[in-house]
mmCIF file of all heavy atoms, coordinates in Angstrom:
data_MODEL
# 
_entry.id   MODEL 
# 
loop_
_atom_site.group_PDB 
_atom_site.id 
_atom_site.type_symbol 
_atom_site.label_atom_id 
_atom_site.label_alt_id 
_atom_site.label_comp_id 
_atom_site.label_asym_id 
_atom_site.label_entity_id 
_atom_site.label_seq_id 
_atom_site.pdbx_PDB_ins_code 
_atom_site.Cartn_x 
_atom_site.Cartn_y 
_atom_site.Cartn_z 
_atom_site.occupancy 
_atom_site.B_iso_or_equiv 
_atom_site.pdbx_formal_charge 
_atom_site.auth_seq_id 
_atom_site.auth_comp_id 
_atom_site.auth_asym_id 
_atom_site.auth_atom_id 
_atom_site.pdbx_PDB_model_num 
ATOM 1   N N   . MET A 1 1  ? 1.454   -11.331 -6.001 1.00 0.00 ? 1  MET A N   1 
ATOM 2   C CA  . MET A 1 1  ? 0.148   -10.965 -6.549 1.00 0.00 ? 1  MET A CA  1 
ATOM 3   C C   . MET A 1 1  ? -0.959  -11.170 -5.511 1.00 0.00 ? 1  MET A C   1 
ATOM 4   O O   . MET A 1 1  ? -1.934  -10.406 -5.470 1.00 0.00 ? 1  MET A O   1 
ATOM 5   C CB  . MET A 1 1  ? -0.148  -11.780 -7.808 1.00 0.00 ? 1  MET A CB  1 
ATOM 6   C CG  . MET A 1 1  ? 0.736   -11.437 -8.995 1.00 0.00 ? 1  MET A CG  1 
ATOM 7   S SD  . MET A 1 1  ? 0.698   -9.677  -9.429 1.00 0.00 ? 1  MET A SD  1 
ATOM 8   C CE  . MET A 1 1  ? -1.029  -9.454  -9.867 1.00 0.00 ? 1  MET A CE  1 
ATOM 9   N N   . MET A 1 2  ? -0.826  -12.157 -4.647 1.00 0.00 ? 2  MET A N   1 
ATOM 10  C CA  . MET A 1 2  ? -1.794  -12.326 -3.553 1.00 0.00 ? 2  MET A CA  1 
ATOM 11  C C   . MET A 1 2  ? -1.765  -11.105 -2.632 1.00 0.00 ? 2  MET A C   1 
ATOM 12  O O   . MET A 1 2  ? -2.820  -10.596 -2.220 1.00 0.00 ? 2  MET A O   1 
ATOM 13  C CB  . MET A 1 2  ? -1.481  -13.587 -2.756 1.00 0.00 ? 2  MET A CB  1 
ATOM 14  C CG  . MET A 1 2  ? -1.651  -14.880 -3.537 1.00 0.00 ? 2  MET A CG  1 
ATOM 15  S SD  . MET A 1 2  ? -1.148  -16.342 -2.580 1.00 0.00 ? 2  MET A SD  1 
ATOM 16  C CE  . MET A 1 2  ? -2.624  -16.649 -1.607 1.00 0.00 ? 2  MET A CE  1 
ATOM 17  N N   . LEU A 1 3  ? -0.564  -10.616 -2.339 1.00 0.00 ? 3  LEU A N   1 
ATOM 18  C CA  . LEU A 1 3  ? -0.440  -9.407  -1.517 1.00 0.00 ? 3  LEU A CA  1 
ATOM 19  C C   . LEU A 1 3  ? -1.014  -8.192  -2.248 1.00 0.00 ? 3  LEU A C   1 
ATOM 20  O O   . LEU A 1 3  ? -1.617  -7.308  -1.627 1.00 0.00 ? 3  LEU A O   1 
ATOM 21  C CB  . LEU A 1 3  ? 1.024   -9.163  -1.154 1.00 0.00 ? 3  LEU A CB  1 
ATOM 22  C CG  . LEU A 1 3  ? 1.654   -10.139 -0.156 1.00 0.00 ? 3  LEU A CG  1 
ATOM 23  C CD1 . LEU A 1 3  ? 3.155   -9.878  -0.029 1.00 0.00 ? 3  LEU A CD1 1 
ATOM 24  C CD2 . LEU A 1 3  ? 0.980   -10.036 1.219  1.00 0.00 ? 3  LEU A CD2 1 
ATOM 25  N N   . HIS A 1 4  ? -0.826  -8.146  -3.565 1.00 0.00 ? 4  HIS A N   1 
ATOM 26  C CA  . HIS A 1 4  ? -1.376  -7.042  -4.362 1.00 0.00 ? 4  HIS A CA  1 
ATOM 27  C C   . HIS A 1 4  ? -2.898  -6.981  -4.213 1.00 0.00 ? 4  HIS A C   1 
ATOM 28  O O   . HIS A 1 4  ? -3.470  -5.918  -3.942 1.00 0.00 ? 4  HIS A O   1 
ATOM 29  C CB  . HIS A 1 4  ? -0.997  -7.235  -5.835 1.00 0.00 ? 4  HIS A CB  1 
ATOM 30  C CG  . HIS A 1 4  ? -1.740  -6.330  -6.773 1.00 0.00 ? 4  HIS A CG  1 
ATOM 31  N ND1 . HIS A 1 4  ? -1.348  -5.027  -7.013 1.00 0.00 ? 4  HIS A ND1 1 
ATOM 32  C CD2 . HIS A 1 4  ? -2.874  -6.532  -7.521 1.00 0.00 ? 4  HIS A CD2 1 
ATOM 33  C CE1 . HIS A 1 4  ? -2.202  -4.472  -7.870 1.00 0.00 ? 4  HIS A CE1 1 
ATOM 34  N NE2 . HIS A 1 4  ? -3.126  -5.367  -8.189 1.00 0.00 ? 4  HIS A NE2 1 
ATOM 35  N N   . TRP A 1 5  ? -3.561  -8.125  -4.393 1.00 0.00 ? 5  TRP A N   1 
ATOM 36  C CA  . TRP A 1 5  ? -5.020  -8.129  -4.313 1.00 0.00 ? 5  TRP A CA  1 
ATOM 37  C C   . TRP A 1 5  ? -5.499  -7.912  -2.885 1.00 0.00 ? 5  TRP A C   1 
ATOM 38  O O   . TRP A 1 5  ? -6.575  -7.327  -2.663 1.00 0.00 ? 5  TRP A O   1 
ATOM 39  C CB  . TRP A 1 5  ? -5.574  -9.434  -4.888 1.00 0.00 ? 5  TRP A CB  1 
ATOM 40  C CG  . TRP A 1 5  ? -5.366  -9.541  -6.373 1.00 0.00 ? 5  TRP A CG  1 
ATOM 41  C CD1 . TRP A 1 5  ? -4.640  -10.477 -7.044 1.00 0.00 ? 5  TRP A CD1 1 
ATOM 42  C CD2 . TRP A 1 5  ? -5.891  -8.657  -7.382 1.00 0.00 ? 5  TRP A CD2 1 
ATOM 43  N NE1 . TRP A 1 5  ? -4.664  -10.239 -8.400 1.00 0.00 ? 5  TRP A NE1 1 
ATOM 44  C CE2 . TRP A 1 5  ? -5.428  -9.128  -8.640 1.00 0.00 ? 5  TRP A CE2 1 
ATOM 45  C CE3 . TRP A 1 5  ? -6.699  -7.523  -7.350 1.00 0.00 ? 5  TRP A CE3 1 
ATOM 46  C CZ2 . TRP A 1 5  ? -5.753  -8.498  -9.837 1.00 0.00 ? 5  TRP A CZ2 1 
ATOM 47  C CZ3 . TRP A 1 5  ? -7.017  -6.889  -8.543 1.00 0.00 ? 5  TRP A CZ3 1 
ATOM 48  C CH2 . TRP A 1 5  ? -6.545  -7.375  -9.763 1.00 0.00 ? 5  TRP A CH2 1 
ATOM 49  N N   . LEU A 1 6  ? -4.726  -8.350  -1.909 1.00 0.00 ? 6  LEU A N   1 
ATOM 50  C CA  . LEU A 1 6  ? -5.046  -8.054  -0.507 1.00 0.00 ? 6  LEU A CA  1 
ATOM 51  C C   . LEU A 1 6  ? -5.103  -6.543  -0.294 1.00 0.00 ? 6  LEU A C   1 
ATOM 52  O O   . LEU A 1 6  ? -6.045  -6.014  0.303  1.00 0.00 ? 6  LEU A O   1 
ATOM 53  C CB  . LEU A 1 6  ? -3.992  -8.679  0.407  1.00 0.00 ? 6  LEU A CB  1 
ATOM 54  C CG  . LEU A 1 6  ? -4.176  -8.399  1.900  1.00 0.00 ? 6  LEU A CG  1 
ATOM 55  C CD1 . LEU A 1 6  ? -4.939  -9.536  2.566  1.00 0.00 ? 6  LEU A CD1 1 
ATOM 56  C CD2 . LEU A 1 6  ? -2.825  -8.217  2.613  1.00 0.00 ? 6  LEU A CD2 1 
ATOM 57  N N   . GLN A 1 7  ? -4.095  -5.845  -0.809 1.00 0.00 ? 7  GLN A N   1 
ATOM 58  C CA  . GLN A 1 7  ? -4.047  -4.388  -0.651 1.00 0.00 ? 7  GLN A CA  1 
ATOM 59  C C   . GLN A 1 7  ? -5.167  -3.704  -1.436 1.00 0.00 ? 7  GLN A C   1 
ATOM 60  O O   . GLN A 1 7  ? -5.809  -2.775  -0.936 1.00 0.00 ? 7  GLN A O   1 
ATOM 61  C CB  . GLN A 1 7  ? -2.689  -3.864  -1.121 1.00 0.00 ? 7  GLN A CB  1 
ATOM 62  C CG  . GLN A 1 7  ? -2.497  -2.369  -0.894 1.00 0.00 ? 7  GLN A CG  1 
ATOM 63  C CD  . GLN A 1 7  ? -1.077  -1.924  -1.186 1.00 0.00 ? 7  GLN A CD  1 
ATOM 64  O OE1 . GLN A 1 7  ? -0.557  -2.183  -2.268 1.00 0.00 ? 7  GLN A OE1 1 
ATOM 65  N NE2 . GLN A 1 7  ? -0.451  -1.263  -0.227 1.00 0.00 ? 7  GLN A NE2 1 
ATOM 66  N N   . GLN A 1 8  ? -5.411  -4.180  -2.657 1.00 0.00 ? 8  GLN A N   1 
ATOM 67  C CA  . GLN A 1 8  ? -6.455  -3.572  -3.479 1.00 0.00 ? 8  GLN A CA  1 
ATOM 68  C C   . GLN A 1 8  ? -7.843  -3.727  -2.857 1.00 0.00 ? 8  GLN A C   1 
ATOM 69  O O   . GLN A 1 8  ? -8.745  -2.931  -3.144 1.00 0.00 ? 8  GLN A O   1 
ATOM 70  C CB  . GLN A 1 8  ? -6.447  -4.200  -4.879 1.00 0.00 ? 8  GLN A CB  1 
ATOM 71  C CG  . GLN A 1 8  ? -5.204  -3.907  -5.694 1.00 0.00 ? 8  GLN A CG  1 
ATOM 72  C CD  . GLN A 1 8  ? -4.972  -2.422  -5.895 1.00 0.00 ? 8  GLN A CD  1 
ATOM 73  O OE1 . GLN A 1 8  ? -5.859  -1.693  -6.323 1.00 0.00 ? 8  GLN A OE1 1 
ATOM 74  N NE2 . GLN A 1 8  ? -3.769  -1.967  -5.568 1.00 0.00 ? 8  GLN A NE2 1 
ATOM 75  N N   . SER A 1 9  ? -7.996  -4.721  -2.001 1.00 0.00 ? 9  SER A N   1 
ATOM 76  C CA  . SER A 1 9  ? -9.302  -4.949  -1.370 1.00 0.00 ? 9  SER A CA  1 
ATOM 77  C C   . SER A 1 9  ? -9.388  -4.325  0.022  1.00 0.00 ? 9  SER A C   1 
ATOM 78  O O   . SER A 1 9  ? -10.296 -4.644  0.795  1.00 0.00 ? 9  SER A O   1 
ATOM 79  C CB  . SER A 1 9  ? -9.588  -6.451  -1.289 1.00 0.00 ? 9  SER A CB  1 
ATOM 80  O OG  . SER A 1 9  ? -8.578  -7.129  -0.561 1.00 0.00 ? 9  SER A OG  1 
ATOM 81  N N   . GLY A 1 10 ? -8.445  -3.439  0.355  1.00 0.00 ? 10 GLY A N   1 
ATOM 82  C CA  . GLY A 1 10 ? -8.553  -2.660  1.585  1.00 0.00 ? 10 GLY A CA  1 
ATOM 83  C C   . GLY A 1 10 ? -7.901  -3.253  2.814  1.00 0.00 ? 10 GLY A C   1 
ATOM 84  O O   . GLY A 1 10 ? -8.232  -2.871  3.945  1.00 0.00 ? 10 GLY A O   1 
ATOM 85  N N   . ASN A 1 11 ? -6.948  -4.176  2.629  1.00 0.00 ? 11 ASN A N   1 
ATOM 86  C CA  . ASN A 1 11 ? -6.223  -4.765  3.752  1.00 0.00 ? 11 ASN A CA  1 
ATOM 87  C C   . ASN A 1 11 ? -4.730  -4.451  3.631  1.00 0.00 ? 11 ASN A C   1 
ATOM 88  O O   . ASN A 1 11 ? -4.266  -4.011  2.580  1.00 0.00 ? 11 ASN A O   1 
ATOM 89  C CB  . ASN A 1 11 ? -6.456  -6.273  3.791  1.00 0.00 ? 11 ASN A CB  1 
ATOM 90  C CG  . ASN A 1 11 ? -7.898  -6.628  4.107  1.00 0.00 ? 11 ASN A CG  1 
ATOM 91  O OD1 . ASN A 1 11 ? -8.304  -6.676  5.255  1.00 0.00 ? 11 ASN A OD1 1 
ATOM 92  N ND2 . ASN A 1 11 ? -8.701  -6.865  3.066  1.00 0.00 ? 11 ASN A ND2 1 
ATOM 93  N N   . LYS A 1 12 ? -4.001  -4.679  4.699  1.00 0.00 ? 12 LYS A N   1 
ATOM 94  C CA  . LYS A 1 12 ? -2.598  -4.256  4.763  1.00 0.00 ? 12 LYS A CA  1 
ATOM 95  C C   . LYS A 1 12 ? -1.640  -5.412  4.500  1.00 0.00 ? 12 LYS A C   1 
ATOM 96  O O   . LYS A 1 12 ? -1.685  -6.428  5.199  1.00 0.00 ? 12 LYS A O   1 
ATOM 97  C CB  . LYS A 1 12 ? -2.303  -3.652  6.139  1.00 0.00 ? 12 LYS A CB  1 
ATOM 98  C CG  . LYS A 1 12 ? -0.939  -2.976  6.268  1.00 0.00 ? 12 LYS A CG  1 
ATOM 99  C CD  . LYS A 1 12 ? -0.750  -2.392  7.656  1.00 0.00 ? 12 LYS A CD  1 
ATOM 100 C CE  . LYS A 1 12 ? 0.524   -1.574  7.747  1.00 0.00 ? 12 LYS A CE  1 
ATOM 101 N NZ  . LYS A 1 12 ? 0.413   -0.306  6.990  1.00 0.00 ? 12 LYS A NZ  1 
ATOM 102 N N   . PRO A 1 13 ? -0.739  -5.276  3.502  1.00 0.00 ? 13 PRO A N   1 
ATOM 103 C CA  . PRO A 1 13 ? 0.246   -6.329  3.230  1.00 0.00 ? 13 PRO A CA  1 
ATOM 104 C C   . PRO A 1 13 ? 1.603   -6.067  3.899  1.00 0.00 ? 13 PRO A C   1 
ATOM 105 O O   . PRO A 1 13 ? 2.017   -4.911  4.065  1.00 0.00 ? 13 PRO A O   1 
ATOM 106 C CB  . PRO A 1 13 ? 0.388   -6.274  1.708  1.00 0.00 ? 13 PRO A CB  1 
ATOM 107 C CG  . PRO A 1 13 ? 0.106   -4.843  1.353  1.00 0.00 ? 13 PRO A CG  1 
ATOM 108 C CD  . PRO A 1 13 ? -0.764  -4.259  2.439  1.00 0.00 ? 13 PRO A CD  1 
ATOM 109 N N   . ILE A 1 14 ? 2.270   -7.146  4.264  1.00 0.00 ? 14 ILE A N   1 
ATOM 110 C CA  . ILE A 1 14 ? 3.616   -7.077  4.838  1.00 0.00 ? 14 ILE A CA  1 
ATOM 111 C C   . ILE A 1 14 ? 4.528   -7.978  4.009  1.00 0.00 ? 14 ILE A C   1 
ATOM 112 O O   . ILE A 1 14 ? 4.211   -9.147  3.774  1.00 0.00 ? 14 ILE A O   1 
ATOM 113 C CB  . ILE A 1 14 ? 3.640   -7.557  6.298  1.00 0.00 ? 14 ILE A CB  1 
ATOM 114 C CG1 . ILE A 1 14 ? 2.720   -6.706  7.182  1.00 0.00 ? 14 ILE A CG1 1 
ATOM 115 C CG2 . ILE A 1 14 ? 5.063   -7.551  6.861  1.00 0.00 ? 14 ILE A CG2 1 
ATOM 116 C CD1 . ILE A 1 14 ? 2.471   -7.324  8.547  1.00 0.00 ? 14 ILE A CD1 1 
ATOM 117 N N   . THR A 1 15 ? 5.635   -7.446  3.556  1.00 0.00 ? 15 THR A N   1 
ATOM 118 C CA  . THR A 1 15 ? 6.661   -8.274  2.932  1.00 0.00 ? 15 THR A CA  1 
ATOM 119 C C   . THR A 1 15 ? 7.753   -8.494  3.976  1.00 0.00 ? 15 THR A C   1 
ATOM 120 O O   . THR A 1 15 ? 8.359   -7.546  4.463  1.00 0.00 ? 15 THR A O   1 
ATOM 121 C CB  . THR A 1 15 ? 7.240   -7.623  1.669  1.00 0.00 ? 15 THR A CB  1 
ATOM 122 O OG1 . THR A 1 15 ? 7.556   -6.241  1.937  1.00 0.00 ? 15 THR A OG1 1 
ATOM 123 C CG2 . THR A 1 15 ? 6.246   -7.669  0.531  1.00 0.00 ? 15 THR A CG2 1 
ATOM 124 N N   . LEU A 1 16 ? 7.945   -9.754  4.329  1.00 0.00 ? 16 LEU A N   1 
ATOM 125 C CA  . LEU A 1 16 ? 8.924   -10.086 5.372  1.00 0.00 ? 16 LEU A CA  1 
ATOM 126 C C   . LEU A 1 16 ? 10.194  -10.617 4.737  1.00 0.00 ? 16 LEU A C   1 
ATOM 127 O O   . LEU A 1 16 ? 10.201  -11.692 4.121  1.00 0.00 ? 16 LEU A O   1 
ATOM 128 C CB  . LEU A 1 16 ? 8.347   -11.125 6.335  1.00 0.00 ? 16 LEU A CB  1 
ATOM 129 C CG  . LEU A 1 16 ? 9.279   -11.525 7.485  1.00 0.00 ? 16 LEU A CG  1 
ATOM 130 C CD1 . LEU A 1 16 ? 9.488   -10.350 8.442  1.00 0.00 ? 16 LEU A CD1 1 
ATOM 131 C CD2 . LEU A 1 16 ? 8.731   -12.734 8.237  1.00 0.00 ? 16 LEU A CD2 1 
ATOM 132 N N   . MET A 1 17 ? 11.272  -9.874  4.884  1.00 0.00 ? 17 MET A N   1 
ATOM 133 C CA  . MET A 1 17 ? 12.560  -10.324 4.391  1.00 0.00 ? 17 MET A CA  1 
ATOM 134 C C   . MET A 1 17 ? 13.136  -11.334 5.381  1.00 0.00 ? 17 MET A C   1 
ATOM 135 O O   . MET A 1 17 ? 13.135  -11.111 6.595  1.00 0.00 ? 17 MET A O   1 
ATOM 136 C CB  . MET A 1 17 ? 13.518  -9.145  4.245  1.00 0.00 ? 17 MET A CB  1 
ATOM 137 C CG  . MET A 1 17 ? 12.982  -8.021  3.357  1.00 0.00 ? 17 MET A CG  1 
ATOM 138 S SD  . MET A 1 17 ? 12.661  -8.570  1.676  1.00 0.00 ? 17 MET A SD  1 
ATOM 139 C CE  . MET A 1 17 ? 14.334  -8.743  1.082  1.00 0.00 ? 17 MET A CE  1 
ATOM 140 N N   . GLY A 1 18 ? 13.628  -12.458 4.843  1.00 0.00 ? 18 GLY A N   1 
ATOM 141 C CA  . GLY A 1 18 ? 14.124  -13.528 5.709  1.00 0.00 ? 18 GLY A CA  1 
ATOM 142 C C   . GLY A 1 18 ? 15.597  -13.391 6.048  1.00 0.00 ? 18 GLY A C   1 
ATOM 143 O O   . GLY A 1 18 ? 16.367  -14.344 5.851  1.00 0.00 ? 18 GLY A O   1 
ATOM 144 N N   . GLY A 1 19 ? 15.980  -12.240 6.568  1.00 0.00 ? 19 GLY A N   1 
ATOM 145 C CA  . GLY A 1 19 ? 17.377  -12.059 6.944  1.00 0.00 ? 19 GLY A CA  1 
ATOM 146 C C   . GLY A 1 19 ? 17.837  -13.043 8.004  1.00 0.00 ? 19 GLY A C   1 
ATOM 147 O O   . GLY A 1 19 ? 19.002  -13.457 8.031  1.00 0.00 ? 19 GLY A O   1 
ATOM 148 N N   . GLY A 1 20 ? 16.896  -13.474 8.870  1.00 0.00 ? 20 GLY A N   1 
ATOM 149 C CA  . GLY A 1 20 ? 17.220  -14.444 9.907  1.00 0.00 ? 20 GLY A CA  1 
ATOM 150 C C   . GLY A 1 20 ? 17.036  -15.875 9.438  1.00 0.00 ? 20 GLY A C   1 
ATOM 151 O O   . GLY A 1 20 ? 17.923  -16.720 9.614  1.00 0.00 ? 20 GLY A O   1 
ATOM 152 N N   . THR A 1 21 ? 15.892  -16.181 8.816  1.00 0.00 ? 21 THR A N   1 
ATOM 153 C CA  . THR A 1 21 ? 15.623  -17.559 8.394  1.00 0.00 ? 21 THR A CA  1 
ATOM 154 C C   . THR A 1 21 ? 16.562  -18.022 7.290  1.00 0.00 ? 21 THR A C   1 
ATOM 155 O O   . THR A 1 21 ? 16.845  -19.219 7.168  1.00 0.00 ? 21 THR A O   1 
ATOM 156 C CB  . THR A 1 21 ? 14.158  -17.715 7.929  1.00 0.00 ? 21 THR A CB  1 
ATOM 157 O OG1 . THR A 1 21 ? 13.782  -16.579 7.143  1.00 0.00 ? 21 THR A OG1 1 
ATOM 158 C CG2 . THR A 1 21 ? 13.218  -17.844 9.118  1.00 0.00 ? 21 THR A CG2 1 
ATOM 159 N N   . THR A 1 22 ? 17.071  -17.089 6.478  1.00 0.00 ? 22 THR A N   1 
ATOM 160 C CA  . THR A 1 22 ? 18.023  -17.493 5.437  1.00 0.00 ? 22 THR A CA  1 
ATOM 161 C C   . THR A 1 22 ? 19.312  -18.024 6.056  1.00 0.00 ? 22 THR A C   1 
ATOM 162 O O   . THR A 1 22 ? 20.011  -18.847 5.456  1.00 0.00 ? 22 THR A O   1 
ATOM 163 C CB  . THR A 1 22 ? 18.339  -16.307 4.499  1.00 0.00 ? 22 THR A CB  1 
ATOM 164 O OG1 . THR A 1 22 ? 17.121  -15.729 4.047  1.00 0.00 ? 22 THR A OG1 1 
ATOM 165 C CG2 . THR A 1 22 ? 19.138  -16.773 3.289  1.00 0.00 ? 22 THR A CG2 1 
ATOM 166 N N   . MET A 1 23 ? 19.632  -17.554 7.273  1.00 0.00 ? 23 MET A N   1 
ATOM 167 C CA  . MET A 1 23 ? 20.813  -18.071 7.966  1.00 0.00 ? 23 MET A CA  1 
ATOM 168 C C   . MET A 1 23 ? 20.624  -19.532 8.370  1.00 0.00 ? 23 MET A C   1 
ATOM 169 O O   . MET A 1 23 ? 21.597  -20.264 8.581  1.00 0.00 ? 23 MET A O   1 
ATOM 170 C CB  . MET A 1 23 ? 21.090  -17.240 9.220  1.00 0.00 ? 23 MET A CB  1 
ATOM 171 C CG  . MET A 1 23 ? 21.462  -15.798 8.946  1.00 0.00 ? 23 MET A CG  1 
ATOM 172 S SD  . MET A 1 23 ? 21.800  -14.936 10.501 1.00 0.00 ? 23 MET A SD  1 
ATOM 173 C CE  . MET A 1 23 ? 21.964  -13.240 9.927  1.00 0.00 ? 23 MET A CE  1 
ATOM 174 N N   . VAL A 1 24 ? 19.352  -19.973 8.460  1.00 0.00 ? 24 VAL A N   1 
ATOM 175 C CA  . VAL A 1 24 ? 19.029  -21.340 8.866  1.00 0.00 ? 24 VAL A CA  1 
ATOM 176 C C   . VAL A 1 24 ? 18.878  -22.234 7.649  1.00 0.00 ? 24 VAL A C   1 
ATOM 177 O O   . VAL A 1 24 ? 19.492  -23.295 7.550  1.00 0.00 ? 24 VAL A O   1 
ATOM 178 C CB  . VAL A 1 24 ? 17.747  -21.351 9.730  1.00 0.00 ? 24 VAL A CB  1 
ATOM 179 C CG1 . VAL A 1 24 ? 17.351  -22.780 10.084 1.00 0.00 ? 24 VAL A CG1 1 
ATOM 180 C CG2 . VAL A 1 24 ? 17.949  -20.514 10.987 1.00 0.00 ? 24 VAL A CG2 1 
ATOM 181 N N   . GLY A 1 25 ? 18.030  -21.821 6.694  1.00 0.00 ? 25 GLY A N   1 
ATOM 182 C CA  . GLY A 1 25 ? 17.835  -22.584 5.464  1.00 0.00 ? 25 GLY A CA  1 
ATOM 183 C C   . GLY A 1 25 ? 16.603  -23.462 5.501  1.00 0.00 ? 25 GLY A C   1 
ATOM 184 O O   . GLY A 1 25 ? 16.494  -24.355 6.346  1.00 0.00 ? 25 GLY A O   1 
ATOM 185 N N   . ASP A 1 26 ? 15.646  -23.191 4.613  1.00 0.00 ? 26 ASP A N   1 
ATOM 186 C CA  . ASP A 1 26 ? 14.400  -23.935 4.553  1.00 0.00 ? 26 ASP A CA  1 
ATOM 187 C C   . ASP A 1 26 ? 14.623  -25.294 3.880  1.00 0.00 ? 26 ASP A C   1 
ATOM 188 O O   . ASP A 1 26 ? 15.032  -25.358 2.722  1.00 0.00 ? 26 ASP A O   1 
ATOM 189 C CB  . ASP A 1 26 ? 13.369  -23.117 3.755  1.00 0.00 ? 26 ASP A CB  1 
ATOM 190 C CG  . ASP A 1 26 ? 12.001  -23.775 3.718  1.00 0.00 ? 26 ASP A CG  1 
ATOM 191 O OD1 . ASP A 1 26 ? 11.824  -24.830 4.360  1.00 0.00 ? 26 ASP A OD1 1 
ATOM 192 O OD2 . ASP A 1 26 ? 11.109  -23.214 3.046  1.00 0.00 ? 26 ASP A OD2 1 
ATOM 193 N N   . PRO A 1 27 ? 14.330  -26.399 4.569  1.00 0.00 ? 27 PRO A N   1 
ATOM 194 C CA  . PRO A 1 27 ? 14.528  -27.724 3.960  1.00 0.00 ? 27 PRO A CA  1 
ATOM 195 C C   . PRO A 1 27 ? 13.383  -28.155 3.047  1.00 0.00 ? 27 PRO A C   1 
ATOM 196 O O   . PRO A 1 27 ? 13.468  -29.207 2.404  1.00 0.00 ? 27 PRO A O   1 
ATOM 197 C CB  . PRO A 1 27 ? 14.617  -28.648 5.175  1.00 0.00 ? 27 PRO A CB  1 
ATOM 198 C CG  . PRO A 1 27 ? 13.749  -27.987 6.207  1.00 0.00 ? 27 PRO A CG  1 
ATOM 199 C CD  . PRO A 1 27 ? 13.918  -26.505 5.981  1.00 0.00 ? 27 PRO A CD  1 
ATOM 200 N N   . SER A 1 28 ? 12.300  -27.375 2.967  1.00 0.00 ? 28 SER A N   1 
ATOM 201 C CA  . SER A 1 28 ? 11.129  -27.775 2.181  1.00 0.00 ? 28 SER A CA  1 
ATOM 202 C C   . SER A 1 28 ? 11.506  -28.043 0.733  1.00 0.00 ? 28 SER A C   1 
ATOM 203 O O   . SER A 1 28 ? 12.105  -27.195 0.064  1.00 0.00 ? 28 SER A O   1 
ATOM 204 C CB  . SER A 1 28 ? 10.050  -26.684 2.227  1.00 0.00 ? 28 SER A CB  1 
ATOM 205 O OG  . SER A 1 28 ? 9.637   -26.434 3.549  1.00 0.00 ? 28 SER A OG  1 
# 
């Protein structure tokens, strides 16, 4: 939804698929 409102306000959104980072695994 943050990306949605970014686009609605005239800016460009990027959805980044974690094909690489998923191989590592986020410990957060």
